[in-house]
Amino acid sequence: MASSSLTSPVTEEELTLTVKWSGKEYTVRVCADDSVGELKRRICQLTNVLPKRQKLLYPKIGSKLADDSTLLSGLPLKSSLKMTMIGTVEDDIIVDQVDAPEIVDDFEIGQDEAVDIKDKEVNKQKLRRRVDQYKIELRNPCRKGKKLLVLDIDYTLFDHRSTAENPLELMRPSVYAEYDIIIWSATSMKWVELKMGQLGVLSNPDYKITALLDHLAMITVQSDSRGIFDCKPLGLIWAHFPEFYSSKNTIMFDDLRRNFVMNPQNGLTIKPFRKAHANRDNDRELVKLTQYLLAIADLDDISILDHKKWESYDEANVKRRRHT
């Protein structure tokens, strides 16, 4: 029987599982502090079956594997028993309202709890594992001396449930002159590539995208008040390209605040760009954000700014901040 594996350096809390799918067996290593959602990500890396398309079957566990937030440490998993995955690879993806994510349950995490999540050793370990597991493919070279703008695409650059398209104000040439641009979506890479291709982002002569990241780059963390959820750790990018990017020169725009929890000083929450067909003439937030990006571009350390107050900043008070 054919066999594949996805492994990383073994830790004392690591679990080795055998997953059967489509006539093959896959060896998957996960850790006890990982969630079912993380297990599905690892399986996706091997099979290309998206986590949302996976149904996992395991003796005497029943429906517990249907909850992506369940921690593996709470399940009676044994390496001697095989897990079965039922799911279909999406070779022909059609981008429509059904497949695009609809996330409306965003929440604010208090500053003290956010610091606690960021500094927890278990989350630092998860980040280190993700750095080892996830390879970032550069589409264009990193540019020395440029800052980094990380953009979500779901409701941030365009309304994926509308036939209208956002003019992509944030990637105008004036911004690209100061910032490298990375797109990071909570969807699959095929979906990201297809939508960015439809919008002309990957072939635009006025700017070049440095890289695309997908849901497999995210990690799962646990909050005392909000439970288990996924987030986007910028440390993954910084670890891969330390000579170019760090907390001092990176800013990330996303419509979900929880995605910043591992790097709250670098996140700016943008209003969801919904109902584009009705709002694109009135929605000038992206134009104002462009002005903000240009105003802070010369700062040595943009992480010292309170990005929540971005609307109150202009070039003059940014310059004053630089000299204080």
Protein backbone atom coordinates (compact mmCIF):
# COMPACT_ATOMS: atom_id res chain seq x y z
CA MET A 1 0.00 0.00 0.00
CA ALA A 2 1.30 3.44 -0.92
CA SER A 3 2.28 5.65 1.98
CA SER A 4 3.11 9.33 2.45
CA SER A 5 4.21 11.30 5.47
CA LEU A 6 4.54 14.81 6.78
CA THR A 7 6.91 14.97 9.70
CA SER A 8 8.81 17.47 11.76
CA PRO A 9 11.31 17.10 14.61
CA VAL A 10 9.76 14.95 17.34
CA THR A 11 8.88 16.49 20.68
CA GLU A 12 7.94 14.59 23.81
CA GLU A 13 4.30 15.70 23.47
CA GLU A 14 4.02 14.73 19.80
CA LEU A 15 1.47 12.25 18.47
CA THR A 16 2.03 10.12 15.37
CA LEU A 17 -1.20 9.19 13.62
CA THR A 18 -1.99 7.11 10.55
CA VAL A 19 -4.73 8.53 8.35
CA LYS A 20 -6.33 6.45 5.61
CA TRP A 21 -7.78 8.16 2.56
CA SER A 22 -8.47 7.07 -1.01
CA GLY A 23 -6.53 3.82 -0.75
CA LYS A 24 -3.42 5.38 0.78
CA GLU A 25 -2.06 5.77 4.30
CA TYR A 26 -0.55 9.04 5.50
CA THR A 27 1.63 9.52 8.57
CA VAL A 28 0.76 12.76 10.34
CA ARG A 29 2.58 14.15 13.35
CA VAL A 30 0.73 16.56 15.57
CA CYS A 31 1.08 17.68 19.17
CA ALA A 32 -1.25 17.13 22.08
CA ASP A 33 -1.88 20.87 22.38
CA ASP A 34 -3.04 21.06 18.76
CA SER A 35 -6.72 21.19 17.84
CA VAL A 36 -8.73 19.04 15.44
CA GLY A 37 -8.59 22.00 13.06
CA GLU A 38 -4.78 21.85 13.10
CA LEU A 39 -4.90 18.10 12.44
CA LYS A 40 -7.08 18.80 9.40
CA ARG A 41 -4.57 21.37 8.16
CA ARG A 42 -1.78 18.80 8.35
CA ILE A 43 -3.94 16.28 6.49
CA CYS A 44 -4.70 18.93 3.87
CA GLN A 45 -0.97 19.48 3.29
CA LEU A 46 -0.68 15.81 2.36
CA THR A 47 -3.93 15.20 0.48
CA ASN A 48 -5.05 18.64 -0.80
CA VAL A 49 -8.47 17.97 0.69
CA LEU A 50 -9.54 21.23 2.31
CA PRO A 51 -10.27 21.04 6.06
CA LYS A 52 -13.90 22.05 5.50
CA ARG A 53 -14.28 19.05 3.16
CA GLN A 54 -12.83 16.52 5.60
CA LYS A 55 -14.81 14.11 7.75
CA LEU A 56 -12.64 12.20 10.22
CA LEU A 57 -13.59 8.80 11.59
CA TYR A 58 -11.88 7.14 14.55
CA PRO A 59 -12.93 4.23 16.82
CA LYS A 60 -15.04 5.21 19.87
CA ILE A 61 -14.68 8.97 19.44
CA GLY A 62 -17.80 9.72 17.46
CA SER A 63 -18.73 13.35 16.83
CA LYS A 64 -15.85 14.89 18.81
CA LEU A 65 -13.74 15.02 15.64
CA ALA A 66 -16.40 17.21 14.01
CA ASP A 67 -15.51 20.13 16.32
CA ASP A 68 -12.39 21.85 14.98
CA SER A 69 -11.79 23.56 18.33
CA THR A 70 -11.43 20.28 20.25
CA LEU A 71 -7.91 19.78 21.59
CA LEU A 72 -6.27 16.48 20.69
CA SER A 73 -5.08 16.10 24.28
CA GLY A 74 -8.72 15.52 25.26
CA LEU A 75 -9.20 12.63 22.83
CA PRO A 76 -8.12 8.99 23.40
CA LEU A 77 -5.90 8.82 20.32
CA LYS A 78 -3.48 5.92 19.91
CA SER A 79 -0.81 5.45 17.28
CA SER A 80 -1.85 1.80 16.93
CA LEU A 81 -5.31 2.75 15.61
CA LYS A 82 -5.88 4.19 12.16
CA MET A 83 -8.00 7.22 11.42
CA THR A 84 -10.11 7.38 8.26
CA MET A 85 -10.68 10.60 6.34
CA ILE A 86 -13.57 11.03 3.93
CA GLY A 87 -13.31 13.98 1.56
CA THR A 88 -12.90 15.15 -2.03
CA VAL A 89 -10.13 17.21 -3.58
CA GLU A 90 -11.43 20.41 -5.16
CA ASP A 91 -9.55 20.25 -8.46
CA ASP A 92 -11.99 22.54 -10.23
CA ILE A 93 -12.75 25.41 -7.89
CA ILE A 94 -15.58 27.75 -8.76
CA VAL A 95 -15.38 30.92 -6.73
CA ASP A 96 -18.89 31.81 -5.64
CA GLN A 97 -20.83 32.89 -2.61
CA VAL A 98 -21.13 29.35 -1.26
CA ASP A 99 -17.41 28.56 -1.11
CA ALA A 100 -16.26 31.97 0.12
CA PRO A 101 -16.02 32.30 3.91
CA GLU A 102 -18.63 34.28 5.79
CA ILE A 103 -17.21 35.30 9.17
CA VAL A 104 -19.18 37.76 11.24
CA ASP A 105 -18.46 36.66 14.80
CA ASP A 106 -15.42 38.84 15.37
CA PHE A 107 -14.53 39.82 18.90
CA GLU A 108 -12.19 42.08 20.83
CA ILE A 109 -9.67 40.54 23.20
CA GLY A 110 -8.51 42.66 26.11
CA GLN A 111 -4.97 44.00 26.04
CA ASP A 112 -3.80 41.96 29.03
CA GLU A 113 -5.19 38.75 27.60
CA ALA A 114 -3.71 39.49 24.17
CA VAL A 115 -0.27 39.90 25.74
CA ASP A 116 -0.78 36.65 27.63
CA ILE A 117 -1.69 34.77 24.44
CA LYS A 118 1.26 36.22 22.55
CA ASP A 119 3.73 35.32 25.31
CA LYS A 120 2.48 31.82 26.12
CA GLU A 121 5.20 29.26 25.51
CA VAL A 122 2.70 26.81 23.98
CA ASN A 123 1.81 29.38 21.30
CA LYS A 124 5.45 30.18 20.66
CA GLN A 125 6.01 26.45 20.11
CA LYS A 126 3.11 26.34 17.66
CA LEU A 127 4.65 29.24 15.77
CA ARG A 128 8.03 27.51 15.64
CA ARG A 129 6.37 24.37 14.28
CA ARG A 130 4.54 26.38 11.66
CA VAL A 131 7.79 28.04 10.58
CA ASP A 132 9.26 24.56 10.06
CA GLN A 133 6.18 23.22 8.26
CA TYR A 134 5.10 26.09 6.03
CA LYS A 135 7.24 27.19 3.12
CA ILE A 136 6.60 30.64 1.67
CA GLU A 137 7.00 30.80 -2.10
CA LEU A 138 8.29 34.17 -3.23
CA ARG A 139 6.57 35.46 -6.36
CA ASN A 140 8.83 38.49 -6.44
CA PRO A 141 12.02 39.29 -4.48
CA CYS A 142 11.88 41.02 -1.10
CA ARG A 143 13.22 44.56 -1.44
CA LYS A 144 15.81 45.84 0.99
CA GLY A 145 14.71 48.91 2.94
CA LYS A 146 11.00 48.52 2.20
CA LYS A 147 8.33 48.11 4.83
CA LEU A 148 5.85 45.25 4.63
CA LEU A 149 2.10 45.53 4.13
CA VAL A 150 0.18 42.29 4.80
CA LEU A 151 -3.35 42.28 3.43
CA ASP A 152 -6.29 40.01 3.99
CA ILE A 153 -8.52 39.67 0.92
CA ASP A 154 -11.81 38.42 2.35
CA TYR A 155 -13.94 41.57 2.73
CA THR A 156 -10.78 43.69 2.99
CA LEU A 157 -9.68 44.17 -0.63
CA PHE A 158 -13.03 43.30 -2.16
CA ASP A 159 -16.48 41.96 -1.41
CA HIS A 160 -16.30 38.35 -2.51
CA ARG A 161 -20.09 38.07 -2.40
CA SER A 162 -20.62 40.87 -4.88
CA THR A 163 -20.12 41.10 -8.63
CA ALA A 164 -18.55 44.54 -8.15
CA GLU A 165 -14.81 44.80 -7.61
CA ASN A 166 -12.89 47.01 -5.25
CA PRO A 167 -10.47 49.34 -7.04
CA LEU A 168 -7.68 48.01 -4.80
CA GLU A 169 -6.63 51.46 -3.64
CA LEU A 170 -4.10 50.04 -1.20
CA MET A 171 -1.89 48.66 -3.96
CA ARG A 172 -1.51 51.87 -5.95
CA PRO A 173 2.06 52.65 -7.14
CA SER A 174 2.69 55.22 -4.39
CA VAL A 175 2.21 52.55 -1.71
CA TYR A 176 4.23 49.93 -3.59
CA ALA A 177 7.13 52.40 -3.74
CA GLU A 178 7.38 52.17 0.06
CA TYR A 179 5.97 48.71 0.90
CA ASP A 180 6.39 45.12 -0.17
CA ILE A 181 2.95 43.47 -0.30
CA ILE A 182 1.96 40.02 0.93
CA ILE A 183 -1.60 38.67 0.64
CA TRP A 184 -2.72 36.40 3.50
CA SER A 185 -6.14 34.76 3.29
CA ALA A 186 -7.93 32.28 5.56
CA THR A 187 -8.97 30.35 2.45
CA SER A 188 -7.15 27.81 0.25
CA MET A 189 -4.25 28.76 -2.01
CA LYS A 190 -6.18 27.76 -5.12
CA TRP A 191 -8.99 30.14 -4.16
CA VAL A 192 -6.53 32.97 -3.42
CA GLU A 193 -4.68 32.51 -6.72
CA LEU A 194 -7.90 32.33 -8.70
CA LYS A 195 -9.45 35.44 -7.17
CA MET A 196 -6.23 37.46 -7.36
CA GLY A 197 -5.90 36.42 -10.99
CA GLN A 198 -9.47 37.52 -11.71
CA LEU A 199 -8.76 40.92 -10.17
CA GLY A 200 -5.53 41.31 -12.15
CA VAL A 201 -3.45 41.58 -8.99
CA LEU A 202 -0.79 39.04 -9.99
CA SER A 203 -0.10 40.64 -13.38
CA ASN A 204 -0.54 44.33 -12.60
CA PRO A 205 2.34 46.39 -14.08
CA ASP A 206 2.15 49.02 -11.31
CA TYR A 207 3.08 46.72 -8.40
CA LYS A 208 4.35 43.22 -7.67
CA ILE A 209 3.06 40.87 -4.97
CA THR A 210 5.86 39.42 -2.86
CA ALA A 211 4.00 36.29 -1.74
CA LEU A 212 0.61 34.69 -1.13
CA LEU A 213 -0.20 32.90 2.14
CA ASP A 214 -3.25 30.73 2.82
CA HIS A 215 -5.07 29.09 5.74
CA LEU A 216 -2.29 26.53 6.24
CA ALA A 217 -0.02 29.33 7.51
CA MET A 218 -2.35 30.14 10.42
CA ILE A 219 -2.07 28.71 13.94
CA THR A 220 -4.66 27.85 16.58
CA VAL A 221 -4.53 29.60 19.96
CA GLN A 222 -6.71 29.51 23.05
CA SER A 223 -8.21 32.45 24.90
CA ASP A 224 -9.61 32.23 28.42
CA SER A 225 -12.57 34.38 27.43
CA ARG A 226 -13.09 33.38 23.77
CA GLY A 227 -12.01 29.76 23.56
CA ILE A 228 -10.02 28.33 20.64
CA PHE A 229 -9.62 30.21 17.37
CA ASP A 230 -7.24 30.65 14.43
CA CYS A 231 -4.97 33.63 13.91
CA LYS A 232 -2.25 34.92 11.57
CA PRO A 233 1.17 35.11 13.28
CA LEU A 234 3.41 37.58 11.49
CA GLY A 235 6.34 35.88 13.19
CA LEU A 236 6.07 33.26 10.45
CA ILE A 237 7.04 35.84 7.82
CA TRP A 238 9.68 37.43 10.03
CA ALA A 239 11.31 34.04 10.68
CA HIS A 240 11.54 33.27 6.96
CA PHE A 241 12.85 36.69 5.94
CA PRO A 242 14.59 38.21 9.00
CA GLU A 243 16.94 40.31 6.89
CA PHE A 244 13.98 42.14 5.35
CA TYR A 245 11.02 42.20 7.75
CA SER A 246 10.41 42.52 11.50
CA SER A 247 7.89 43.92 13.94
CA LYS A 248 9.38 47.37 13.36
CA ASN A 249 8.51 47.62 9.67
CA THR A 250 5.37 45.48 9.26
CA ILE A 251 1.69 46.42 9.29
CA MET A 252 -1.23 44.07 8.63
CA PHE A 253 -4.74 45.07 7.55
CA ASP A 254 -7.57 42.66 8.35
CA ASP A 255 -11.26 42.97 9.13
CA LEU A 256 -10.95 40.44 11.98
CA ARG A 257 -9.21 41.73 15.11
CA ARG A 258 -8.52 38.25 16.42
CA ASN A 259 -6.12 37.62 13.54
CA PHE A 260 -3.69 40.09 15.19
CA VAL A 261 -3.56 38.37 18.57
CA MET A 262 0.02 37.12 18.17
CA ASN A 263 1.18 40.56 17.01
CA PRO A 264 -1.33 43.17 18.24
CA GLN A 265 1.11 46.06 17.81
CA ASN A 266 1.21 45.43 14.05
CA GLY A 267 -2.48 45.07 13.25
CA LEU A 268 -4.97 47.60 11.93
CA THR A 269 -8.63 46.63 11.74
CA ILE A 270 -10.28 47.73 8.53
CA LYS A 271 -14.02 47.96 7.94
CA PRO A 272 -15.39 45.00 5.97
CA PHE A 273 -15.89 45.96 2.33
CA ARG A 274 -19.36 44.48 1.99
CA LYS A 275 -22.05 45.27 -0.58
CA ALA A 276 -19.49 46.76 -2.93
CA HIS A 277 -22.05 47.39 -5.65
CA ALA A 278 -23.84 49.84 -3.34
CA ASN A 279 -20.96 51.30 -1.33
CA ARG A 280 -17.89 51.63 -3.56
CA ASP A 281 -18.60 55.26 -4.43
CA ASN A 282 -19.03 56.21 -0.78
CA ASP A 283 -16.44 53.97 0.82
CA ARG A 284 -13.29 56.10 0.96
CA GLU A 285 -11.62 54.31 3.85
CA LEU A 286 -9.04 52.66 1.61
CA VAL A 287 -8.03 56.04 0.21
CA LYS A 288 -7.54 57.37 3.75
CA LEU A 289 -5.60 54.25 4.71
CA THR A 290 -3.33 54.83 1.73
CA GLN A 291 -2.58 58.29 3.06
CA TYR A 292 -1.84 56.78 6.49
CA LEU A 293 0.58 54.25 5.00
CA LEU A 294 2.46 57.00 3.19
CA ALA A 295 2.51 59.20 6.30
CA ILE A 296 4.22 56.49 8.42
CA ALA A 297 6.49 55.09 5.72
CA ASP A 298 9.58 56.98 6.91
CA LEU A 299 9.31 55.93 10.56
CA ASP A 300 12.06 53.62 11.81
CA ASP A 301 9.60 51.69 13.99
CA ILE A 302 5.90 51.70 13.09
CA SER A 303 5.04 49.22 15.86
CA ILE A 304 5.20 52.05 18.41
CA LEU A 305 2.13 53.64 16.82
CA ASP A 306 -1.38 52.98 18.08
CA HIS A 307 -2.91 51.85 14.80
CA LYS A 308 -6.39 51.95 16.36
CA LYS A 309 -6.10 55.73 16.16
CA TRP A 310 -4.97 55.78 12.54
CA GLU A 311 -7.76 58.14 11.49
CA SER A 312 -6.42 60.85 13.82
CA TYR A 313 -2.90 60.66 12.38
CA ASP A 314 -1.70 62.83 9.57
CA GLU A 315 1.79 63.38 8.18
CA ALA A 316 2.42 66.33 10.50
CA ASN A 317 1.75 64.55 13.78
CA VAL A 318 3.56 61.44 12.58
CA LYS A 319 6.63 63.61 12.05
CA ARG A 320 6.21 65.06 15.53
CA ARG A 321 6.02 61.52 16.92
CA ARG A 322 9.25 60.66 15.11
CA HIS A 323 11.16 63.37 16.99
CA THR A 324 9.71 62.71 20.49
